[in-house]
Structure formats: structure tokens, C-alpha cells
Full PDB file with SEQRES, HELIX, SHEET, SSBOND, CRYST1, ORIGX, SCALE, CONECT and MASTER records, all heavy atoms in Angstrom:
SEQRES   1 A   40  ALA THR GLY LEU ALA ALA VAL GLN PRO PRO ALA PRO PRO          
SEQRES   2 A   40  THR ASP HIS ALA GLY LEU ARG ASN VAL ALA TYR ALA PHE          
SEQRES   3 A   40  GLN TRP TRP ILE PHE ALA ALA PHE THR LEU TRP MET TRP          
SEQRES   4 A   40  ALA                                                          
HELIX    1 AA1 LEU A   19  TRP A   39  1                                  21    
CRYST1    1.000    1.000    1.000  90.00  90.00  90.00 P 1           1          
ORIGX1      1.000000  0.000000  0.000000        0.00000                         
ORIGX2      0.000000  1.000000  0.000000        0.00000                         
ORIGX3      0.000000  0.000000  1.000000        0.00000                         
SCALE1      1.000000  0.000000  0.000000        0.00000                         
SCALE2      0.000000  1.000000  0.000000        0.00000                         
SCALE3      0.000000  0.000000  1.000000        0.00000                         
ATOM      1  N   ALA A   1       0.838  -1.191   0.000  1.00  0.00           N  
ATOM      2  CA  ALA A   1       0.000   0.000   0.000  1.00  0.00           C  
ATOM      3  C   ALA A   1       0.878   1.249   0.000  1.00  0.00           C  
ATOM      4  O   ALA A   1       1.840   1.345   0.774  1.00  0.00           O  
ATOM      5  CB  ALA A   1      -0.906  -0.006   1.234  1.00  0.00           C  
ATOM      6  N   THR A   2       0.574   2.204  -0.860  1.00  0.00           N  
ATOM      7  CA  THR A   2       1.382   3.411  -1.016  1.00  0.00           C  
ATOM      8  C   THR A   2       1.424   4.219   0.275  1.00  0.00           C  
ATOM      9  O   THR A   2       0.381   4.578   0.830  1.00  0.00           O  
ATOM     10  CB  THR A   2       0.823   4.286  -2.140  1.00  0.00           C  
ATOM     11  OG1 THR A   2       0.731   3.507  -3.329  1.00  0.00           O  
ATOM     12  CG2 THR A   2       1.718   5.485  -2.369  1.00  0.00           C  
ATOM     13  N   GLY A   3       2.646   4.467   0.754  1.00  0.00           N  
ATOM     14  CA  GLY A   3       2.838   5.340   1.901  1.00  0.00           C  
ATOM     15  C   GLY A   3       2.563   4.713   3.248  1.00  0.00           C  
ATOM     16  O   GLY A   3       2.782   5.355   4.280  1.00  0.00           O  
ATOM     17  N   LEU A   4       2.096   3.492   3.295  1.00  0.00           N  
ATOM     18  CA  LEU A   4       1.791   2.834   4.562  1.00  0.00           C  
ATOM     19  C   LEU A   4       2.859   1.797   4.903  1.00  0.00           C  
ATOM     20  O   LEU A   4       3.418   1.151   4.005  1.00  0.00           O  
ATOM     21  CB  LEU A   4       0.430   2.144   4.501  1.00  0.00           C  
ATOM     22  CG  LEU A   4      -0.797   3.023   4.228  1.00  0.00           C  
ATOM     23  CD1 LEU A   4      -2.037   2.163   4.171  1.00  0.00           C  
ATOM     24  CD2 LEU A   4      -0.935   4.103   5.290  1.00  0.00           C  
ATOM     25  N   ALA A   5       3.141   1.653   6.188  1.00  0.00           N  
ATOM     26  CA  ALA A   5       4.061   0.611   6.623  1.00  0.00           C  
ATOM     27  C   ALA A   5       3.344  -0.728   6.560  1.00  0.00           C  
ATOM     28  O   ALA A   5       2.157  -0.830   6.902  1.00  0.00           O  
ATOM     29  CB  ALA A   5       4.542   0.896   8.038  1.00  0.00           C  
ATOM     30  N   ALA A   6       4.052  -1.749   6.114  1.00  0.00           N  
ATOM     31  CA  ALA A   6       3.440  -3.070   5.966  1.00  0.00           C  
ATOM     32  C   ALA A   6       3.103  -3.653   7.337  1.00  0.00           C  
ATOM     33  O   ALA A   6       3.822  -3.446   8.322  1.00  0.00           O  
ATOM     34  CB  ALA A   6       4.380  -4.008   5.225  1.00  0.00           C  
ATOM     35  N   VAL A   7       2.006  -4.364   7.378  1.00  0.00           N  
ATOM     36  CA  VAL A   7       1.594  -5.077   8.590  1.00  0.00           C  
ATOM     37  C   VAL A   7       1.936  -6.548   8.418  1.00  0.00           C  
ATOM     38  O   VAL A   7       1.573  -7.169   7.407  1.00  0.00           O  
ATOM     39  CB  VAL A   7       0.082  -4.916   8.842  1.00  0.00           C  
ATOM     40  CG1 VAL A   7      -0.371  -5.827   9.980  1.00  0.00           C  
ATOM     41  CG2 VAL A   7      -0.252  -3.461   9.154  1.00  0.00           C  
ATOM     42  N   GLN A   8       2.652  -7.082   9.388  1.00  0.00           N  
ATOM     43  CA  GLN A   8       3.019  -8.495   9.330  1.00  0.00           C  
ATOM     44  C   GLN A   8       1.831  -9.341   9.776  1.00  0.00           C  
ATOM     45  O   GLN A   8       1.331  -9.184  10.881  1.00  0.00           O  
ATOM     46  CB  GLN A   8       4.213  -8.771  10.260  1.00  0.00           C  
ATOM     47  CG  GLN A   8       4.723 -10.201  10.214  1.00  0.00           C  
ATOM     48  CD  GLN A   8       5.327 -10.567   8.862  1.00  0.00           C  
ATOM     49  OE1 GLN A   8       5.888  -9.719   8.173  1.00  0.00           O  
ATOM     50  NE2 GLN A   8       5.202 -11.821   8.487  1.00  0.00           N  
ATOM     51  N   PRO A   9       1.341 -10.237   8.911  1.00  0.00           N  
ATOM     52  CA  PRO A   9       0.203 -11.070   9.321  1.00  0.00           C  
ATOM     53  C   PRO A   9       0.563 -11.911  10.540  1.00  0.00           C  
ATOM     54  O   PRO A   9       1.703 -12.381  10.672  1.00  0.00           O  
ATOM     55  CB  PRO A   9      -0.042 -11.964   8.097  1.00  0.00           C  
ATOM     56  CG  PRO A   9       0.591 -11.241   6.954  1.00  0.00           C  
ATOM     57  CD  PRO A   9       1.770 -10.518   7.536  1.00  0.00           C  
ATOM     58  N   PRO A  10      -0.371 -12.085  11.457  1.00  0.00           N  
ATOM     59  CA  PRO A  10      -0.100 -12.951  12.611  1.00  0.00           C  
ATOM     60  C   PRO A  10       0.233 -14.366  12.172  1.00  0.00           C  
ATOM     61  O   PRO A  10      -0.141 -14.801  11.075  1.00  0.00           O  
ATOM     62  CB  PRO A  10      -1.424 -12.914  13.401  1.00  0.00           C  
ATOM     63  CG  PRO A  10      -2.147 -11.704  12.888  1.00  0.00           C  
ATOM     64  CD  PRO A  10      -1.723 -11.522  11.472  1.00  0.00           C  
ATOM     65  N   ALA A  11       0.946 -15.071  13.027  1.00  0.00           N  
ATOM     66  CA  ALA A  11       1.264 -16.466  12.721  1.00  0.00           C  
ATOM     67  C   ALA A  11      -0.024 -17.264  12.591  1.00  0.00           C  
ATOM     68  O   ALA A  11      -0.993 -17.020  13.312  1.00  0.00           O  
ATOM     69  CB  ALA A  11       2.137 -17.053  13.825  1.00  0.00           C  
ATOM     70  N   PRO A  12      -0.071 -18.213  11.663  1.00  0.00           N  
ATOM     71  CA  PRO A  12      -1.294 -19.011  11.503  1.00  0.00           C  
ATOM     72  C   PRO A  12      -1.558 -19.829  12.753  1.00  0.00           C  
ATOM     73  O   PRO A  12      -0.636 -20.154  13.508  1.00  0.00           O  
ATOM     74  CB  PRO A  12      -0.974 -19.907  10.301  1.00  0.00           C  
ATOM     75  CG  PRO A  12       0.519 -19.969  10.254  1.00  0.00           C  
ATOM     76  CD  PRO A  12       0.998 -18.639  10.743  1.00  0.00           C  
ATOM     77  N   PRO A  13      -2.817 -20.165  12.999  1.00  0.00           N  
ATOM     78  CA  PRO A  13      -3.135 -20.988  14.172  1.00  0.00           C  
ATOM     79  C   PRO A  13      -2.504 -22.364  14.047  1.00  0.00           C  
ATOM     80  O   PRO A  13      -2.210 -22.840  12.946  1.00  0.00           O  
ATOM     81  CB  PRO A  13      -4.665 -21.060  14.147  1.00  0.00           C  
ATOM     82  CG  PRO A  13      -5.028 -20.826  12.715  1.00  0.00           C  
ATOM     83  CD  PRO A  13      -4.001 -19.866  12.187  1.00  0.00           C  
ATOM     84  N   THR A  14      -2.313 -22.993  15.177  1.00  0.00           N  
ATOM     85  CA  THR A  14      -1.678 -24.302  15.195  1.00  0.00           C  
ATOM     86  C   THR A  14      -2.590 -25.357  14.600  1.00  0.00           C  
ATOM     87  O   THR A  14      -3.749 -25.481  14.987  1.00  0.00           O  
ATOM     88  CB  THR A  14      -1.306 -24.696  16.631  1.00  0.00           C  
ATOM     89  OG1 THR A  14      -0.425 -23.720  17.167  1.00  0.00           O  
ATOM     90  CG2 THR A  14      -0.631 -26.052  16.669  1.00  0.00           C  
ATOM     91  N   ASP A  15      -2.063 -26.103  13.641  1.00  0.00           N  
ATOM     92  CA  ASP A  15      -2.780 -27.260  13.098  1.00  0.00           C  
ATOM     93  C   ASP A  15      -2.369 -28.485  13.914  1.00  0.00           C  
ATOM     94  O   ASP A  15      -1.225 -28.939  13.826  1.00  0.00           O  
ATOM     95  CB  ASP A  15      -2.418 -27.485  11.623  1.00  0.00           C  
ATOM     96  CG  ASP A  15      -3.232 -26.596  10.693  1.00  0.00           C  
ATOM     97  OD1 ASP A  15      -4.322 -26.179  11.102  1.00  0.00           O  
ATOM     98  OD2 ASP A  15      -2.766 -26.317   9.579  1.00  0.00           O  
ATOM     99  N   HIS A  16      -3.284 -29.000  14.708  1.00  0.00           N  
ATOM    100  CA  HIS A  16      -2.944 -30.106  15.597  1.00  0.00           C  
ATOM    101  C   HIS A  16      -2.962 -31.421  14.821  1.00  0.00           C  
ATOM    102  O   HIS A  16      -3.911 -32.200  14.897  1.00  0.00           O  
ATOM    103  CB  HIS A  16      -3.915 -30.158  16.772  1.00  0.00           C  
ATOM    104  CG  HIS A  16      -3.807 -28.972  17.673  1.00  0.00           C  
ATOM    105  ND1 HIS A  16      -2.781 -28.805  18.586  1.00  0.00           N  
ATOM    106  CD2 HIS A  16      -4.573 -27.866  17.780  1.00  0.00           C  
ATOM    107  CE1 HIS A  16      -2.927 -27.674  19.231  1.00  0.00           C  
ATOM    108  NE2 HIS A  16      -4.011 -27.071  18.758  1.00  0.00           N  
ATOM    109  N   ALA A  17      -1.899 -31.651  14.078  1.00  0.00           N  
ATOM    110  CA  ALA A  17      -1.772 -32.890  13.321  1.00  0.00           C  
ATOM    111  C   ALA A  17      -1.140 -33.969  14.207  1.00  0.00           C  
ATOM    112  O   ALA A  17      -0.377 -33.684  15.125  1.00  0.00           O  
ATOM    113  CB  ALA A  17      -0.901 -32.652  12.084  1.00  0.00           C  
ATOM    114  N   GLY A  18      -1.472 -35.223  13.930  1.00  0.00           N  
ATOM    115  CA  GLY A  18      -0.855 -36.329  14.660  1.00  0.00           C  
ATOM    116  C   GLY A  18      -1.360 -36.487  16.079  1.00  0.00           C  
ATOM    117  O   GLY A  18      -0.596 -36.897  16.968  1.00  0.00           O  
ATOM    118  N   LEU A  19      -2.631 -36.183  16.335  1.00  0.00           N  
ATOM    119  CA  LEU A  19      -3.171 -36.337  17.692  1.00  0.00           C  
ATOM    120  C   LEU A  19      -3.118 -37.789  18.165  1.00  0.00           C  
ATOM    121  O   LEU A  19      -3.076 -38.049  19.366  1.00  0.00           O  
ATOM    122  CB  LEU A  19      -4.619 -35.829  17.738  1.00  0.00           C  
ATOM    123  CG  LEU A  19      -4.785 -34.308  17.690  1.00  0.00           C  
ATOM    124  CD1 LEU A  19      -6.260 -33.940  17.610  1.00  0.00           C  
ATOM    125  CD2 LEU A  19      -4.142 -33.652  18.897  1.00  0.00           C  
ATOM    126  N   ARG A  20      -3.092 -38.716  17.231  1.00  0.00           N  
ATOM    127  CA  ARG A  20      -2.972 -40.125  17.615  1.00  0.00           C  
ATOM    128  C   ARG A  20      -1.669 -40.377  18.362  1.00  0.00           C  
ATOM    129  O   ARG A  20      -1.616 -41.216  19.274  1.00  0.00           O  
ATOM    130  CB  ARG A  20      -3.046 -41.004  16.368  1.00  0.00           C  
ATOM    131  CG  ARG A  20      -2.994 -42.503  16.652  1.00  0.00           C  
ATOM    132  CD  ARG A  20      -3.069 -43.311  15.378  1.00  0.00           C  
ATOM    133  NE  ARG A  20      -4.319 -43.072  14.679  1.00  0.00           N  
ATOM    134  CZ  ARG A  20      -4.625 -43.658  13.526  1.00  0.00           C  
ATOM    135  NH1 ARG A  20      -3.765 -44.490  12.948  1.00  0.00           N  
ATOM    136  NH2 ARG A  20      -5.782 -43.407  12.947  1.00  0.00           N  
ATOM    137  N   ASN A  21      -0.625 -39.642  18.006  1.00  0.00           N  
ATOM    138  CA  ASN A  21       0.657 -39.816  18.696  1.00  0.00           C  
ATOM    139  C   ASN A  21       0.584 -39.366  20.148  1.00  0.00           C  
ATOM    140  O   ASN A  21       1.286 -39.906  21.010  1.00  0.00           O  
ATOM    141  CB  ASN A  21       1.761 -39.037  17.971  1.00  0.00           C  
ATOM    142  CG  ASN A  21       1.991 -39.547  16.562  1.00  0.00           C  
ATOM    143  OD1 ASN A  21       1.510 -38.967  15.593  1.00  0.00           O  
ATOM    144  ND2 ASN A  21       2.714 -40.651  16.433  1.00  0.00           N  
ATOM    145  N   VAL A  22      -0.256 -38.374  20.443  1.00  0.00           N  
ATOM    146  CA  VAL A  22      -0.446 -37.958  21.833  1.00  0.00           C  
ATOM    147  C   VAL A  22      -1.082 -39.089  22.628  1.00  0.00           C  
ATOM    148  O   VAL A  22      -0.689 -39.374  23.771  1.00  0.00           O  
ATOM    149  CB  VAL A  22      -1.310 -36.692  21.908  1.00  0.00           C  
ATOM    150  CG1 VAL A  22      -1.591 -36.306  23.346  1.00  0.00           C  
ATOM    151  CG2 VAL A  22      -0.623 -35.533  21.181  1.00  0.00           C  
ATOM    152  N   ALA A  23      -2.076 -39.753  22.029  1.00  0.00           N  
ATOM    153  CA  ALA A  23      -2.710 -40.891  22.697  1.00  0.00           C  
ATOM    154  C   ALA A  23      -1.692 -42.005  22.938  1.00  0.00           C  
ATOM    155  O   ALA A  23      -1.675 -42.624  24.014  1.00  0.00           O  
ATOM    156  CB  ALA A  23      -3.880 -41.404  21.858  1.00  0.00           C  
ATOM    157  N   TYR A  24      -0.831 -42.258  21.944  1.00  0.00           N  
ATOM    158  CA  TYR A  24       0.209 -43.274  22.124  1.00  0.00           C  
ATOM    159  C   TYR A  24       1.153 -42.905  23.268  1.00  0.00           C  
ATOM    160  O   TYR A  24       1.573 -43.768  24.046  1.00  0.00           O  
ATOM    161  CB  TYR A  24       1.006 -43.441  20.834  1.00  0.00           C  
ATOM    162  CG  TYR A  24       0.249 -44.080  19.694  1.00  0.00           C  
ATOM    163  CD1 TYR A  24       0.631 -43.879  18.376  1.00  0.00           C  
ATOM    164  CD2 TYR A  24      -0.870 -44.874  19.934  1.00  0.00           C  
ATOM    165  CE1 TYR A  24      -0.060 -44.457  17.326  1.00  0.00           C  
ATOM    166  CE2 TYR A  24      -1.569 -45.460  18.887  1.00  0.00           C  
ATOM    167  CZ  TYR A  24      -1.160 -45.242  17.585  1.00  0.00           C  
ATOM    168  OH  TYR A  24      -1.852 -45.815  16.557  1.00  0.00           O  
ATOM    169  N   ALA A  25       1.497 -41.624  23.363  1.00  0.00           N  
ATOM    170  CA  ALA A  25       2.401 -41.179  24.428  1.00  0.00           C  
ATOM    171  C   ALA A  25       1.802 -41.466  25.798  1.00  0.00           C  
ATOM    172  O   ALA A  25       2.476 -42.004  26.685  1.00  0.00           O  
ATOM    173  CB  ALA A  25       2.693 -39.687  24.272  1.00  0.00           C  
ATOM    174  N   PHE A  26       0.522 -41.125  25.978  1.00  0.00           N  
ATOM    175  CA  PHE A  26      -0.116 -41.373  27.274  1.00  0.00           C  
ATOM    176  C   PHE A  26      -0.229 -42.872  27.552  1.00  0.00           C  
ATOM    177  O   PHE A  26      -0.119 -43.307  28.696  1.00  0.00           O  
ATOM    178  CB  PHE A  26      -1.493 -40.709  27.314  1.00  0.00           C  
ATOM    179  CG  PHE A  26      -1.433 -39.241  27.637  1.00  0.00           C  
ATOM    180  CD1 PHE A  26      -1.584 -38.294  26.642  1.00  0.00           C  
ATOM    181  CD2 PHE A  26      -1.182 -38.809  28.931  1.00  0.00           C  
ATOM    182  CE1 PHE A  26      -1.525 -36.935  26.933  1.00  0.00           C  
ATOM    183  CE2 PHE A  26      -1.114 -37.454  29.224  1.00  0.00           C  
ATOM    184  CZ  PHE A  26      -1.284 -36.518  28.232  1.00  0.00           C  
ATOM    185  N   GLN A  27      -0.447 -43.670  26.505  1.00  0.00           N  
ATOM    186  CA  GLN A  27      -0.499 -45.113  26.706  1.00  0.00           C  
ATOM    187  C   GLN A  27       0.823 -45.642  27.229  1.00  0.00           C  
ATOM    188  O   GLN A  27       0.861 -46.453  28.172  1.00  0.00           O  
ATOM    189  CB  GLN A  27      -0.859 -45.810  25.393  1.00  0.00           C  
ATOM    190  CG  GLN A  27      -2.317 -45.666  24.992  1.00  0.00           C  
ATOM    191  CD  GLN A  27      -2.622 -46.369  23.682  1.00  0.00           C  
ATOM    192  OE1 GLN A  27      -1.742 -46.936  23.043  1.00  0.00           O  
ATOM    193  NE2 GLN A  27      -3.886 -46.325  23.270  1.00  0.00           N  
ATOM    194  N   TRP A  28       1.918 -45.190  26.658  1.00  0.00           N  
ATOM    195  CA  TRP A  28       3.226 -45.640  27.124  1.00  0.00           C  
ATOM    196  C   TRP A  28       3.459 -45.240  28.576  1.00  0.00           C  
ATOM    197  O   TRP A  28       3.981 -46.016  29.375  1.00  0.00           O  
ATOM    198  CB  TRP A  28       4.327 -45.064  26.235  1.00  0.00           C  
ATOM    199  CG  TRP A  28       4.522 -45.784  24.933  1.00  0.00           C  
ATOM    200  CD1 TRP A  28       4.337 -45.290  23.682  1.00  0.00           C  
ATOM    201  CD2 TRP A  28       4.956 -47.145  24.762  1.00  0.00           C  
ATOM    202  NE1 TRP A  28       4.610 -46.238  22.735  1.00  0.00           N  
ATOM    203  CE2 TRP A  28       5.010 -47.389  23.369  1.00  0.00           C  
ATOM    204  CE3 TRP A  28       5.303 -48.161  25.631  1.00  0.00           C  
ATOM    205  CZ2 TRP A  28       5.384 -48.617  22.848  1.00  0.00           C  
ATOM    206  CZ3 TRP A  28       5.685 -49.393  25.110  1.00  0.00           C  
ATOM    207  CH2 TRP A  28       5.720 -49.618  23.732  1.00  0.00           C  
ATOM    208  N   TRP A  29       3.067 -44.019  28.937  1.00  0.00           N  
ATOM    209  CA  TRP A  29       3.270 -43.563  30.316  1.00  0.00           C  
ATOM    210  C   TRP A  29       2.375 -44.324  31.284  1.00  0.00           C  
ATOM    211  O   TRP A  29       2.780 -44.606  32.423  1.00  0.00           O  
ATOM    212  CB  TRP A  29       3.008 -42.062  30.409  1.00  0.00           C  
ATOM    213  CG  TRP A  29       4.009 -41.256  29.639  1.00  0.00           C  
ATOM    214  CD1 TRP A  29       5.292 -41.619  29.349  1.00  0.00           C  
ATOM    215  CD2 TRP A  29       3.831 -39.978  29.037  1.00  0.00           C  
ATOM    216  NE1 TRP A  29       5.924 -40.646  28.598  1.00  0.00           N  
ATOM    217  CE2 TRP A  29       5.053 -39.624  28.394  1.00  0.00           C  
ATOM    218  CE3 TRP A  29       2.765 -39.083  28.962  1.00  0.00           C  
ATOM    219  CZ2 TRP A  29       5.228 -38.415  27.720  1.00  0.00           C  
ATOM    220  CZ3 TRP A  29       2.927 -37.883  28.293  1.00  0.00           C  
ATOM    221  CH2 TRP A  29       4.143 -37.562  27.683  1.00  0.00           C  
ATOM    222  N   ILE A  30       1.176 -44.689  30.878  1.00  0.00           N  
ATOM    223  CA  ILE A  30       0.304 -45.505  31.727  1.00  0.00           C  
ATOM    224  C   ILE A  30       0.901 -46.892  31.918  1.00  0.00           C  
ATOM    225  O   ILE A  30       0.887 -47.442  33.039  1.00  0.00           O  
ATOM    226  CB  ILE A  30      -1.105 -45.587  31.111  1.00  0.00           C  
ATOM    227  CG1 ILE A  30      -1.794 -44.209  31.191  1.00  0.00           C  
ATOM    228  CG2 ILE A  30      -1.948 -46.637  31.825  1.00  0.00           C  
ATOM    229  CD1 ILE A  30      -3.099 -44.133  30.422  1.00  0.00           C  
ATOM    230  N   PHE A  31       1.444 -47.459  30.851  1.00  0.00           N  
ATOM    231  CA  PHE A  31       2.092 -48.770  30.963  1.00  0.00           C  
ATOM    232  C   PHE A  31       3.274 -48.712  31.926  1.00  0.00           C  
ATOM    233  O   PHE A  31       3.506 -49.645  32.705  1.00  0.00           O  
ATOM    234  CB  PHE A  31       2.559 -49.258  29.585  1.00  0.00           C  
ATOM    235  CG  PHE A  31       1.442 -49.585  28.637  1.00  0.00           C  
ATOM    236  CD1 PHE A  31       1.653 -49.549  27.262  1.00  0.00           C  
ATOM    237  CD2 PHE A  31       0.179 -49.925  29.106  1.00  0.00           C  
ATOM    238  CE1 PHE A  31       0.617 -49.847  26.384  1.00  0.00           C  
ATOM    239  CE2 PHE A  31      -0.856 -50.221  28.232  1.00  0.00           C  
ATOM    240  CZ  PHE A  31      -0.633 -50.190  26.870  1.00  0.00           C  
ATOM    241  N   ALA A  32       4.041 -47.627  31.860  1.00  0.00           N  
ATOM    242  CA  ALA A  32       5.193 -47.473  32.759  1.00  0.00           C  
ATOM    243  C   ALA A  32       4.738 -47.428  34.211  1.00  0.00           C  
ATOM    244  O   ALA A  32       5.311 -48.098  35.087  1.00  0.00           O  
ATOM    245  CB  ALA A  32       5.963 -46.204  32.401  1.00  0.00           C  
ATOM    246  N   ALA A  33       3.695 -46.643  34.481  1.00  0.00           N  
ATOM    247  CA  ALA A  33       3.179 -46.558  35.850  1.00  0.00           C  
ATOM    248  C   ALA A  33       2.612 -47.903  36.300  1.00  0.00           C  
ATOM    249  O   ALA A  33       2.783 -48.312  37.462  1.00  0.00           O  
ATOM    250  CB  ALA A  33       2.112 -45.468  35.930  1.00  0.00           C  
ATOM    251  N   PHE A  34       1.949 -48.620  35.391  1.00  0.00           N  
ATOM    252  CA  PHE A  34       1.372 -49.918  35.733  1.00  0.00           C  
ATOM    253  C   PHE A  34       2.468 -50.925  36.076  1.00  0.00           C  
ATOM    254  O   PHE A  34       2.295 -51.760  36.983  1.00  0.00           O  
ATOM    255  CB  PHE A  34       0.533 -50.425  34.567  1.00  0.00           C  
ATOM    256  CG  PHE A  34      -0.123 -51.754  34.816  1.00  0.00           C  
ATOM    257  CD1 PHE A  34      -1.222 -51.837  35.652  1.00  0.00           C  
ATOM    258  CD2 PHE A  34       0.366 -52.909  34.222  1.00  0.00           C  
ATOM    259  CE1 PHE A  34      -1.835 -53.065  35.891  1.00  0.00           C  
ATOM    260  CE2 PHE A  34      -0.241 -54.134  34.463  1.00  0.00           C  
ATOM    261  CZ  PHE A  34      -1.342 -54.218  35.299  1.00  0.00           C  
ATOM    262  N   THR A  35       3.595 -50.866  35.375  1.00  0.00           N  
ATOM    263  CA  THR A  35       4.704 -51.772  35.662  1.00  0.00           C  
ATOM    264  C   THR A  35       5.208 -51.589  37.092  1.00  0.00           C  
ATOM    265  O   THR A  35       5.422 -52.569  37.831  1.00  0.00           O  
ATOM    266  CB  THR A  35       5.850 -51.541  34.663  1.00  0.00           C  
ATOM    267  OG1 THR A  35       5.381 -51.780  33.332  1.00  0.00           O  
ATOM    268  CG2 THR A  35       7.030 -52.450  34.949  1.00  0.00           C  
ATOM    269  N   LEU A  36       5.398 -50.348  37.506  1.00  0.00           N  
ATOM    270  CA  LEU A  36       5.872 -50.083  38.863  1.00  0.00           C  
ATOM    271  C   LEU A  36       4.798 -50.448  39.891  1.00  0.00           C  
ATOM    272  O   LEU A  36       5.120 -50.953  40.984  1.00  0.00           O  
ATOM    273  CB  LEU A  36       6.259 -48.614  38.998  1.00  0.00           C  
ATOM    274  CG  LEU A  36       7.419 -48.165  38.103  1.00  0.00           C  
ATOM    275  CD1 LEU A  36       7.674 -46.668  38.279  1.00  0.00           C  
ATOM    276  CD2 LEU A  36       8.682 -48.957  38.418  1.00  0.00           C  
ATOM    277  N   TRP A  37       3.539 -50.206  39.551  1.00  0.00           N  
ATOM    278  CA  TRP A  37       2.459 -50.570  40.471  1.00  0.00           C  
ATOM    279  C   TRP A  37       2.390 -52.076  40.673  1.00  0.00           C  
ATOM    280  O   TRP A  37       2.176 -52.563  41.797  1.00  0.00           O  
ATOM    281  CB  TRP A  37       1.131 -50.053  39.924  1.00  0.00           C  
ATOM    282  CG  TRP A  37      -0.043 -50.422  40.798  1.00  0.00           C  
ATOM    283  CD1 TRP A  37      -0.504 -49.762  41.891  1.00  0.00           C  
ATOM    284  CD2 TRP A  37      -0.907 -51.553  40.611  1.00  0.00           C  
ATOM    285  NE1 TRP A  37      -1.604 -50.402  42.414  1.00  0.00           N  
ATOM    286  CE2 TRP A  37      -1.876 -51.509  41.646  1.00  0.00           C  
ATOM    287  CE3 TRP A  37      -0.956 -52.589  39.678  1.00  0.00           C  
ATOM    288  CZ2 TRP A  37      -2.881 -52.466  41.778  1.00  0.00           C  
ATOM    289  CZ3 TRP A  37      -1.963 -53.543  39.798  1.00  0.00           C  
ATOM    290  CH2 TRP A  37      -2.900 -53.480  40.838  1.00  0.00           C  
ATOM    291  N   MET A  38       2.589 -52.832  39.589  1.00  0.00           N  
ATOM    292  CA  MET A  38       2.567 -54.289  39.690  1.00  0.00           C  
ATOM    293  C   MET A  38       3.692 -54.798  40.576  1.00  0.00           C  
ATOM    294  O   MET A  38       3.501 -55.717  41.383  1.00  0.00           O  
ATOM    295  CB  MET A  38       2.667 -54.918  38.293  1.00  0.00           C  
ATOM    296  CG  MET A  38       1.363 -54.937  37.535  1.00  0.00           C  
ATOM    297  SD  MET A  38       0.090 -55.927  38.352  1.00  0.00           S  
ATOM    298  CE  MET A  38       0.862 -57.551  38.359  1.00  0.00           C  
ATOM    299  N   TRP A  39       4.872 -54.189  40.454  1.00  0.00           N  
ATOM    300  CA  TRP A  39       5.989 -54.608  41.323  1.00  0.00           C  
ATOM    301  C   TRP A  39       5.629 -54.350  42.785  1.00  0.00           C  
ATOM    302  O   TRP A  39       5.839 -55.225  43.642  1.00  0.00           O  
ATOM    303  CB  TRP A  39       7.256 -53.833  40.943  1.00  0.00           C  
ATOM    304  CG  TRP A  39       8.403 -54.131  41.875  1.00  0.00           C  
ATOM    305  CD1 TRP A  39       9.308 -55.140  41.780  1.00  0.00           C  
ATOM    306  CD2 TRP A  39       8.742 -53.390  43.053  1.00  0.00           C  
ATOM    307  NE1 TRP A  39      10.189 -55.103  42.826  1.00  0.00           N  
ATOM    308  CE2 TRP A  39       9.871 -54.036  43.627  1.00  0.00           C  
ATOM    309  CE3 TRP A  39       8.214 -52.274  43.672  1.00  0.00           C  
ATOM    310  CZ2 TRP A  39      10.465 -53.579  44.805  1.00  0.00           C  
ATOM    311  CZ3 TRP A  39       8.806 -51.815  44.848  1.00  0.00           C  
ATOM    312  CH2 TRP A  39       9.917 -52.463  45.399  1.00  0.00           C  
ATOM    313  N   ALA A  40       5.088 -53.173  43.078  1.00  0.00           N  
ATOM    314  CA  ALA A  40       4.720 -52.847  44.456  1.00  0.00           C  
ATOM    315  C   ALA A  40       3.647 -53.803  44.976  1.00  0.00           C  
ATOM    316  O   ALA A  40       3.695 -54.252  46.133  1.00  0.00           O  
ATOM    317  CB  ALA A  40       4.236 -51.401  44.544  1.00  0.00           C  
TER     318      ALA A  40                                                      
MASTER        0    0    0    1    0    0    0    6  317    1    0    4          
END                                                                             
């Protein structure tokens, strides 16, 4: 735009791809806790 300073567009919103991997992460951590619980 003539005579105006450019405005930097805000960063795009986060695309939460791979949510299945988050579920896998929690599964592994639950298994870890279950292993220690079983020993106790």
C-alpha cells in the first residue's frame, strides 16, 4: 500500500496434526506406571 508501513500477518493458528501420537504417548506412560504398580 502506497505510503503505509506493511503489517506483518499474525502467525497461523496451530494445526494439531498427529493427535494419535499424543494418545500413544499417554499409553506408554500408563504402561510405565502400571509396571511399577505391579511390582509394588
